[in-house]
Amino acid sequence: MLSDFPPNRKTSDLNRNTLALRLICILVAVVSIGSLLHFNVQSETQVAQLQGLIPDELTADPLSADDHELVEGLAGTVSAMEWLGPLAPIAISPFFGLACLCGISQYGGDWLPLNAFVSDNPVLQNPAVLWTFVILTVVTSLPRLTKVSKPIGQAIDQLEAWSGIIAIIVIRVASATSDPVGDTTAMAMVPVFECGFVSMSADVLFSIAAIINILVINTIKFFFEVSVWLMPFPFVDAMLEAANKSACAALMAVYAWSPFWATMLNLVIFLACLWAFRWVKRQVTYMRSILFDPVWAMVQKSWAEPKKNSLTVFPQYEIGPFAARERLSLSDVGDSWLLIQSRMLLPSRSFAIPKDQHQLLIHPGMIVNKICIEGSEPGTLLFTRRFNDHLPKLAGLLNMTLAEKEEQLPSVSDLVLDSQ
């Protein structure tokens, strides 16, 4: 039955997108309620003024319109720096970064510059929150110290990243609603950006920026961690974990000293990661499939049996319009095999391999399997060992030939890096 299958990668991406959309909706609701409360306070004040209960001198605005624009601009800039500054260390190590943020809030004292995001935040000021993040840091860091337990730590990497995103957004909302006296003033100074019929507050935009920032940097970090795990050196994983925590602590120290310079460093790190994100995203998707699909197949046997004439594959080299390590779907459509790439917000792309000009051979491997395309346009496709207990059935569903001799792959590095 369909329910016996674990969610595929596309479904997981959809669930993550749905979670992000829910977070955005929650933030919009929070800001809307705050704006409504501010409107009610303004209405009551105006009624009292009309009834003569409040003298005009007390309600007169001592600042001009230009002064108001200057104050709102400075407040928005400071708020943006205080919010964006800690995103890079949280992306590098979410739980440890949040623990450092709690430590700065609780033990920073008067020797740190004034930081409205950290100083009076009720979540960061809570000792239970600090110790919770400290415990989570220890629990998630210990498996990453050795090569034997490293896959366990990497398996929960995405969970840690999304937990960090949810936590930092909750902290953001708490910082915006922590001052009951100045709530109406704060709400009045929250800028609203309008584009046509769509209007969005700065809080929502900052939250979207935080989600993108953390996911991009965390994806690059995951790629390096898996690459280091594949190196045949015993202590390099512990050294990398120590380097991650040191970099996180150093960036948090910069943030405590100057949110402005922390924001500049975050921007530099984000742009550098964004430049390589597309290539690294392909590698990370491939790595996760190769490493975790066989494990899940051992846990849930029904998922390890092929039931349709399609297969998720990754080109070893560029083939047709597709780059190496691109996640594709290979299916049998009668007179040809069809490679299809699903793209978010864009139409899918396809590439046909005619059967009258090509032959596809399945070669089982020790770490990854290969499909060799022989014919007028040769190529190589890689796929996971998920179906290795049922390869003859898979070959029959796809009308391919199963090679008898198991092929030994030359090196692990060929599984990770493009050769071109």
Protein backbone atom coordinates (compact mmCIF):
# COMPACT_ATOMS: atom_id res chain seq x y z
CA MET A 1 0.00 0.00 0.00
CA LEU A 2 1.07 3.57 -0.55
CA SER A 3 1.06 4.25 3.18
CA ASP A 4 3.78 1.65 3.68
CA PHE A 5 6.27 3.82 1.90
CA PRO A 6 8.24 6.52 3.70
CA PRO A 7 7.85 10.01 2.26
CA ASN A 8 10.03 10.54 -0.76
CA ARG A 9 12.38 13.46 -1.12
CA LYS A 10 9.90 15.56 -3.05
CA THR A 11 7.33 15.05 -0.28
CA SER A 12 9.94 15.97 2.33
CA ASP A 13 10.72 19.18 0.43
CA LEU A 14 6.97 19.90 0.26
CA ASN A 15 6.63 19.33 4.01
CA ARG A 16 9.52 21.70 4.70
CA ASN A 17 7.99 24.32 2.40
CA THR A 18 4.62 23.85 4.13
CA LEU A 19 6.28 24.32 7.52
CA ALA A 20 7.95 27.53 6.34
CA LEU A 21 4.61 28.78 4.98
CA ARG A 22 2.94 28.06 8.32
CA LEU A 23 5.65 29.98 10.15
CA ILE A 24 5.17 32.95 7.84
CA CYS A 25 1.39 32.83 8.38
CA ILE A 26 1.90 32.77 12.16
CA LEU A 27 4.19 35.79 11.96
CA VAL A 28 1.71 37.67 9.78
CA ALA A 29 -1.03 36.90 12.32
CA VAL A 30 1.12 38.11 15.24
CA VAL A 31 1.98 41.38 13.50
CA SER A 32 -1.65 41.89 12.43
CA ILE A 33 -2.92 41.44 16.01
CA GLY A 34 -0.31 43.88 17.27
CA SER A 35 -1.31 46.43 14.64
CA LEU A 36 -4.98 45.99 15.60
CA LEU A 37 -4.18 46.61 19.27
CA HIS A 38 -2.25 49.71 18.30
CA PHE A 39 -5.21 50.94 16.24
CA ASN A 40 -7.58 50.43 19.20
CA VAL A 41 -5.28 52.42 21.52
CA GLN A 42 -5.08 55.23 18.96
CA SER A 43 -8.89 55.28 18.59
CA GLU A 44 -9.47 55.50 22.36
CA THR A 45 -6.92 58.31 22.62
CA GLN A 46 -8.60 60.28 19.84
CA VAL A 47 -12.05 59.87 21.46
CA ALA A 48 -10.70 61.08 24.81
CA GLN A 49 -9.08 64.05 23.12
CA LEU A 50 -12.34 65.01 21.39
CA GLN A 51 -14.20 64.81 24.70
CA GLY A 52 -11.71 67.20 26.28
CA LEU A 53 -10.31 64.68 28.74
CA ILE A 54 -6.76 65.03 27.37
CA PRO A 55 -5.29 68.52 26.82
CA ASP A 56 -4.00 69.23 23.32
CA GLU A 57 -0.58 70.12 24.74
CA LEU A 58 -0.08 66.54 25.96
CA THR A 59 -0.97 64.98 22.62
CA ALA A 60 0.97 67.39 20.43
CA ASP A 61 3.86 65.78 18.55
CA PRO A 62 7.16 67.60 19.32
CA LEU A 63 8.90 66.05 16.29
CA SER A 64 8.52 67.07 12.69
CA ALA A 65 7.78 64.66 9.83
CA ASP A 66 11.48 64.63 8.82
CA ASP A 67 12.48 63.79 12.39
CA HIS A 68 10.03 60.88 12.42
CA GLU A 69 11.44 59.49 9.16
CA LEU A 70 14.98 59.73 10.52
CA VAL A 71 14.08 57.99 13.79
CA GLU A 72 12.17 55.21 12.03
CA GLY A 73 15.03 54.67 9.57
CA LEU A 74 17.62 54.41 12.34
CA ALA A 75 15.39 52.11 14.40
CA GLY A 76 14.80 49.84 11.42
CA THR A 77 18.53 49.67 10.63
CA VAL A 78 19.49 48.84 14.21
CA SER A 79 16.73 46.23 14.45
CA ALA A 80 17.88 44.61 11.21
CA MET A 81 21.49 44.38 12.39
CA GLU A 82 20.50 42.95 15.77
CA TRP A 83 18.34 40.34 14.00
CA LEU A 84 20.61 39.37 11.09
CA GLY A 85 23.89 39.42 13.02
CA PRO A 86 23.60 36.02 14.79
CA LEU A 87 22.23 34.08 11.80
CA ALA A 88 25.60 32.85 10.49
CA PRO A 89 26.75 31.22 13.76
CA ILE A 90 23.29 29.73 14.25
CA ALA A 91 23.47 28.27 10.73
CA ILE A 92 26.91 26.76 11.46
CA SER A 93 25.81 25.17 14.75
CA PRO A 94 22.14 25.89 15.57
CA PHE A 95 21.90 24.57 19.13
CA PHE A 96 25.34 25.81 20.20
CA GLY A 97 24.71 29.21 18.61
CA LEU A 98 21.42 29.60 20.46
CA ALA A 99 23.11 28.53 23.71
CA CYS A 100 25.73 31.26 23.15
CA LEU A 101 22.95 33.77 22.47
CA CYS A 102 21.27 32.83 25.76
CA GLY A 103 24.61 33.14 27.57
CA ILE A 104 25.17 36.62 26.13
CA SER A 105 21.69 37.67 27.24
CA GLN A 106 22.00 36.29 30.78
CA TYR A 107 25.66 36.93 31.61
CA GLY A 108 26.59 39.80 29.30
CA GLY A 109 25.84 42.40 31.93
CA ASP A 110 26.49 46.09 31.42
CA TRP A 111 29.86 45.58 29.70
CA LEU A 112 28.17 44.73 26.37
CA PRO A 113 26.70 47.37 24.02
CA LEU A 114 22.95 47.90 24.22
CA ASN A 115 21.18 45.25 22.14
CA ALA A 116 17.39 45.36 22.29
CA PHE A 117 17.09 41.94 20.64
CA VAL A 118 19.15 40.22 23.37
CA SER A 119 19.01 42.38 26.50
CA ASP A 120 15.32 42.22 27.42
CA ASN A 121 14.25 39.05 25.63
CA PRO A 122 12.17 36.84 27.98
CA VAL A 123 13.10 33.65 26.11
CA LEU A 124 16.85 34.26 26.14
CA GLN A 125 16.71 35.39 29.78
CA ASN A 126 15.24 32.06 30.88
CA PRO A 127 17.93 29.77 32.44
CA ALA A 128 15.93 26.68 31.48
CA VAL A 129 16.21 27.65 27.81
CA LEU A 130 19.98 28.03 28.16
CA TRP A 131 20.46 24.60 29.71
CA THR A 132 18.10 23.02 27.18
CA PHE A 133 20.26 24.25 24.31
CA VAL A 134 23.44 23.21 26.14
CA ILE A 135 22.12 19.66 26.54
CA LEU A 136 20.99 19.55 22.90
CA THR A 137 24.43 20.76 21.84
CA VAL A 138 26.15 17.93 23.70
CA VAL A 139 23.70 15.28 22.48
CA THR A 140 24.01 16.29 18.81
CA SER A 141 27.77 16.93 18.88
CA LEU A 142 29.02 13.68 20.42
CA PRO A 143 27.99 11.47 17.44
CA ARG A 144 29.95 13.74 15.08
CA LEU A 145 33.28 13.08 16.81
CA THR A 146 33.97 9.63 15.30
CA LYS A 147 33.52 8.14 11.85
CA VAL A 148 31.46 5.25 13.21
CA SER A 149 28.81 7.45 14.82
CA LYS A 150 29.05 10.38 12.36
CA PRO A 151 26.14 9.18 10.15
CA ILE A 152 23.82 9.40 13.18
CA GLY A 153 24.80 13.02 13.71
CA GLN A 154 24.36 13.82 10.01
CA ALA A 155 20.97 12.11 9.93
CA ILE A 156 19.58 14.63 12.44
CA ASP A 157 21.33 17.61 10.80
CA GLN A 158 18.18 18.82 9.02
CA LEU A 159 16.14 18.43 12.21
CA GLU A 160 18.67 20.58 14.07
CA ALA A 161 18.65 23.22 11.33
CA TRP A 162 14.86 23.56 11.30
CA SER A 163 14.74 23.54 15.09
CA GLY A 164 17.18 26.45 15.05
CA ILE A 165 15.01 28.32 12.53
CA ILE A 166 11.85 27.88 14.60
CA ALA A 167 13.66 28.85 17.80
CA ILE A 168 15.19 32.05 16.40
CA ILE A 169 11.82 33.15 14.97
CA VAL A 170 10.13 32.53 18.33
CA ILE A 171 12.86 34.60 19.98
CA ARG A 172 12.28 37.35 17.41
CA VAL A 173 8.54 37.43 18.15
CA ALA A 174 9.23 37.42 21.90
CA SER A 175 11.63 40.35 21.59
CA ALA A 176 8.99 42.36 19.71
CA THR A 177 6.30 41.77 22.35
CA SER A 178 8.34 41.76 25.57
CA ASP A 179 7.80 45.41 26.56
CA PRO A 180 4.15 45.95 27.56
CA VAL A 181 4.65 49.68 28.06
CA GLY A 182 6.28 50.38 24.74
CA ASP A 183 4.33 47.93 22.65
CA THR A 184 2.25 50.55 20.91
CA THR A 185 5.30 52.64 20.09
CA ALA A 186 7.16 49.60 18.78
CA MET A 187 4.22 48.53 16.66
CA ALA A 188 3.90 52.01 15.24
CA MET A 189 7.54 51.99 14.19
CA VAL A 190 7.46 48.58 12.45
CA PRO A 191 7.89 49.41 8.75
CA VAL A 192 5.50 47.87 6.24
CA PHE A 193 6.61 47.18 2.67
CA GLU A 194 4.02 47.29 -0.09
CA CYS A 195 4.26 45.86 -3.61
CA GLY A 196 1.05 46.23 -5.60
CA PHE A 197 -1.73 44.52 -3.67
CA VAL A 198 0.72 42.74 -1.34
CA SER A 199 1.94 44.34 1.89
CA MET A 200 4.33 42.70 4.32
CA SER A 201 5.84 43.88 7.59
CA ALA A 202 9.57 44.01 8.25
CA ASP A 203 9.21 41.22 10.84
CA VAL A 204 7.91 38.82 8.19
CA LEU A 205 10.61 39.84 5.71
CA PHE A 206 13.33 39.38 8.34
CA SER A 207 11.94 35.94 9.20
CA ILE A 208 12.00 34.89 5.54
CA ALA A 209 15.56 36.19 5.27
CA ALA A 210 16.52 34.17 8.35
CA ILE A 211 15.09 30.95 6.89
CA ILE A 212 16.94 31.40 3.59
CA ASN A 213 20.16 32.48 5.32
CA ILE A 214 20.28 29.52 7.71
CA LEU A 215 19.34 26.90 5.10
CA VAL A 216 21.93 28.08 2.56
CA ILE A 217 24.82 28.20 5.04
CA ASN A 218 23.76 24.96 6.74
CA THR A 219 23.66 23.13 3.39
CA ILE A 220 27.24 24.17 2.62
CA LYS A 221 28.31 23.06 6.11
CA PHE A 222 26.65 19.66 5.66
CA PHE A 223 28.53 19.15 2.38
CA PHE A 224 31.90 19.78 4.03
CA GLU A 225 31.05 17.54 6.99
CA VAL A 226 30.17 14.59 4.77
CA SER A 227 33.24 15.20 2.59
CA VAL A 228 35.46 15.15 5.68
CA TRP A 229 33.71 12.01 6.95
CA LEU A 230 34.76 10.21 3.75
CA MET A 231 38.43 11.06 4.33
CA PRO A 232 40.47 8.11 5.70
CA PHE A 233 41.83 10.01 8.72
CA PRO A 234 40.53 9.01 12.19
CA PHE A 235 40.58 12.33 14.08
CA VAL A 236 39.63 14.74 11.32
CA ASP A 237 35.91 14.57 12.22
CA ALA A 238 36.56 15.66 15.81
CA MET A 239 38.82 18.45 14.53
CA LEU A 240 36.10 19.67 12.15
CA GLU A 241 33.49 19.65 14.93
CA ALA A 242 35.83 21.65 17.17
CA ALA A 243 36.42 24.09 14.31
CA ASN A 244 32.65 24.47 13.80
CA LYS A 245 32.07 25.26 17.46
CA SER A 246 35.05 27.65 17.56
CA ALA A 247 33.83 29.52 14.48
CA CYS A 248 30.32 29.72 15.97
CA ALA A 249 31.64 31.07 19.28
CA ALA A 250 33.90 33.59 17.51
CA LEU A 251 31.05 34.92 15.36
CA MET A 252 28.81 35.20 18.43
CA ALA A 253 31.56 37.13 20.23
CA VAL A 254 31.70 39.55 17.29
CA TYR A 255 27.91 39.90 17.48
CA ALA A 256 28.06 40.65 21.22
CA TRP A 257 30.70 43.30 20.57
CA SER A 258 29.15 44.86 17.45
CA PRO A 259 25.94 43.73 15.72
CA PHE A 260 26.96 45.84 12.71
CA TRP A 261 30.19 43.94 12.05
CA ALA A 262 28.46 40.65 12.78
CA THR A 263 25.88 41.50 10.12
CA MET A 264 28.63 42.37 7.64
CA LEU A 265 30.37 39.03 8.32
CA ASN A 266 27.05 37.22 7.97
CA LEU A 267 26.47 38.92 4.62
CA VAL A 268 29.94 37.92 3.35
CA ILE A 269 29.46 34.29 4.48
CA PHE A 270 25.97 34.13 3.01
CA LEU A 271 27.03 35.51 -0.39
CA ALA A 272 29.99 33.12 -0.54
CA CYS A 273 27.72 30.17 0.27
CA LEU A 274 25.05 31.37 -2.15
CA TRP A 275 27.61 31.50 -4.96
CA ALA A 276 28.34 27.77 -4.54
CA PHE A 277 24.87 26.75 -3.36
CA ARG A 278 23.52 25.31 -6.61
CA TRP A 279 26.51 23.02 -7.15
CA VAL A 280 26.70 22.02 -3.49
CA LYS A 281 22.94 21.39 -3.32
CA ARG A 282 23.29 18.76 -6.06
CA GLN A 283 26.15 17.10 -4.18
CA VAL A 284 24.27 17.16 -0.86
CA THR A 285 21.11 15.66 -2.37
CA TYR A 286 23.24 12.91 -3.93
CA MET A 287 25.14 12.26 -0.69
CA ARG A 288 21.99 11.99 1.41
CA SER A 289 20.47 9.53 -1.04
CA ILE A 290 23.58 7.35 -1.24
CA LEU A 291 24.13 7.30 2.54
CA PHE A 292 20.62 7.13 3.97
CA ASP A 293 18.49 5.26 1.39
CA PRO A 294 20.12 1.87 2.12
CA VAL A 295 19.73 2.45 5.86
CA TRP A 296 16.03 3.21 5.49
CA ALA A 297 15.64 0.18 3.22
CA MET A 298 16.98 -2.04 6.02
CA VAL A 299 14.59 -0.47 8.54
CA GLN A 300 11.47 -0.71 6.34
CA LYS A 301 11.64 -3.73 4.06
CA SER A 302 8.59 -2.78 1.99
CA TRP A 303 10.39 0.39 0.85
CA ALA A 304 13.26 -1.72 -0.51
CA GLU A 305 11.09 -3.48 -3.11
CA PRO A 306 10.55 -1.80 -6.52
CA LYS A 307 6.88 -1.50 -7.50
CA LYS A 308 6.86 0.79 -10.54
CA ASN A 309 8.91 1.32 -13.69
CA SER A 310 10.72 4.43 -12.51
CA LEU A 311 13.94 5.01 -10.60
CA THR A 312 15.71 7.99 -9.04
CA VAL A 313 19.13 8.38 -10.68
CA PHE A 314 22.05 10.84 -10.70
CA PRO A 315 24.20 11.39 -13.82
CA GLN A 316 27.87 10.72 -13.11
CA TYR A 317 28.75 13.25 -15.79
CA GLU A 318 26.76 15.80 -17.77
CA ILE A 319 24.11 14.15 -19.93
CA GLY A 320 21.75 15.96 -22.27
CA PRO A 321 20.55 19.17 -20.58
CA PHE A 322 21.35 17.87 -17.09
CA ALA A 323 24.42 18.60 -14.99
CA ALA A 324 26.33 15.94 -13.09
CA ARG A 325 24.72 14.77 -9.81
CA GLU A 326 21.35 16.28 -10.77
CA ARG A 327 18.48 14.36 -9.21
CA LEU A 328 16.43 12.80 -12.04
CA SER A 329 13.68 10.25 -12.53
CA LEU A 330 14.35 7.46 -15.06
CA SER A 331 11.30 5.64 -16.44
CA ASP A 332 10.40 3.24 -19.23
CA VAL A 333 7.91 4.83 -21.67
CA GLY A 334 7.77 2.13 -24.33
CA ASP A 335 10.05 3.03 -27.23
CA SER A 336 12.55 4.89 -25.04
CA TRP A 337 13.77 5.58 -21.53
CA LEU A 338 12.93 9.04 -20.27
CA LEU A 339 14.96 11.19 -17.87
CA ILE A 340 12.81 13.81 -16.11
CA GLN A 341 13.90 16.65 -13.82
CA SER A 342 11.23 18.19 -11.60
CA ARG A 343 11.81 21.88 -10.87
CA MET A 344 10.04 24.04 -8.31
CA LEU A 345 8.04 26.89 -9.89
CA LEU A 346 9.38 25.92 -13.33
CA PRO A 347 8.23 23.34 -15.91
CA SER A 348 9.98 19.99 -15.74
CA ARG A 349 12.71 19.09 -18.23
CA SER A 350 13.06 15.73 -19.99
CA PHE A 351 15.58 13.85 -22.12
CA ALA A 352 14.72 10.72 -24.12
CA ILE A 353 17.07 7.75 -24.63
CA PRO A 354 15.75 5.78 -27.66
CA LYS A 355 15.77 2.01 -27.19
CA ASP A 356 16.62 1.30 -30.83
CA GLN A 357 19.93 3.17 -30.44
CA HIS A 358 20.91 2.36 -26.85
CA GLN A 359 21.22 -0.43 -24.34
CA LEU A 360 21.15 0.10 -20.57
CA LEU A 361 23.15 -2.21 -18.29
CA ILE A 362 22.81 -2.27 -14.48
CA HIS A 363 26.12 -2.81 -12.65
CA PRO A 364 25.77 -3.39 -8.87
CA GLY A 365 28.41 -1.70 -6.73
CA MET A 366 29.65 -1.76 -3.15
CA ILE A 367 28.57 1.80 -2.33
CA VAL A 368 26.55 2.93 -5.33
CA ASN A 369 25.09 1.19 -8.39
CA LYS A 370 25.65 2.20 -11.99
CA ILE A 371 23.54 2.19 -15.14
CA CYS A 372 25.82 2.24 -18.17
CA ILE A 373 24.25 3.71 -21.30
CA GLU A 374 25.74 2.05 -24.38
CA GLY A 375 24.95 3.36 -27.84
CA SER A 376 25.12 6.51 -29.93
CA GLU A 377 25.14 8.78 -26.84
CA PRO A 378 26.90 6.89 -24.04
CA GLY A 379 26.69 7.94 -20.41
CA THR A 380 26.57 6.73 -16.81
CA LEU A 381 23.78 7.04 -14.27
CA LEU A 382 24.20 6.35 -10.54
CA PHE A 383 21.54 5.13 -8.13
CA THR A 384 21.44 4.01 -4.51
CA ARG A 385 21.55 0.49 -3.09
CA ARG A 386 17.95 0.78 -1.94
CA PHE A 387 16.74 -1.99 -4.30
CA ASN A 388 19.83 -4.22 -4.20
CA ASP A 389 17.87 -7.17 -2.79
CA HIS A 390 15.50 -6.98 -5.77
CA LEU A 391 17.72 -5.90 -8.68
CA PRO A 392 16.39 -8.57 -11.10
CA LYS A 393 12.84 -7.30 -10.54
CA LEU A 394 14.00 -3.70 -10.99
CA ALA A 395 15.76 -4.60 -14.25
CA GLY A 396 12.57 -6.27 -15.48
CA LEU A 397 10.39 -3.27 -14.64
CA LEU A 398 12.74 -0.92 -16.50
CA ASN A 399 13.51 -3.31 -19.40
CA MET A 400 17.25 -3.22 -18.68
CA THR A 401 19.97 -5.85 -18.57
CA LEU A 402 21.48 -6.81 -15.21
CA ALA A 403 25.23 -7.42 -15.31
CA GLU A 404 26.34 -10.59 -13.54
CA LYS A 405 29.68 -9.40 -12.17
CA GLU A 406 29.65 -6.85 -9.34
CA GLU A 407 31.60 -3.75 -10.27
CA GLN A 408 34.10 -2.29 -7.79
CA LEU A 409 34.19 1.48 -7.81
CA PRO A 410 37.70 2.94 -7.99
CA SER A 411 37.51 5.51 -5.18
CA VAL A 412 35.09 7.09 -2.76
CA SER A 413 35.93 10.56 -4.07
CA ASP A 414 34.23 9.69 -7.37
CA LEU A 415 30.97 9.43 -5.44
CA VAL A 416 31.20 12.95 -4.07
CA LEU A 417 32.88 15.34 -6.46
CA ASP A 418 32.19 16.01 -10.11
CA SER A 419 35.07 15.01 -12.31
CA GLN A 420 34.58 17.93 -14.65
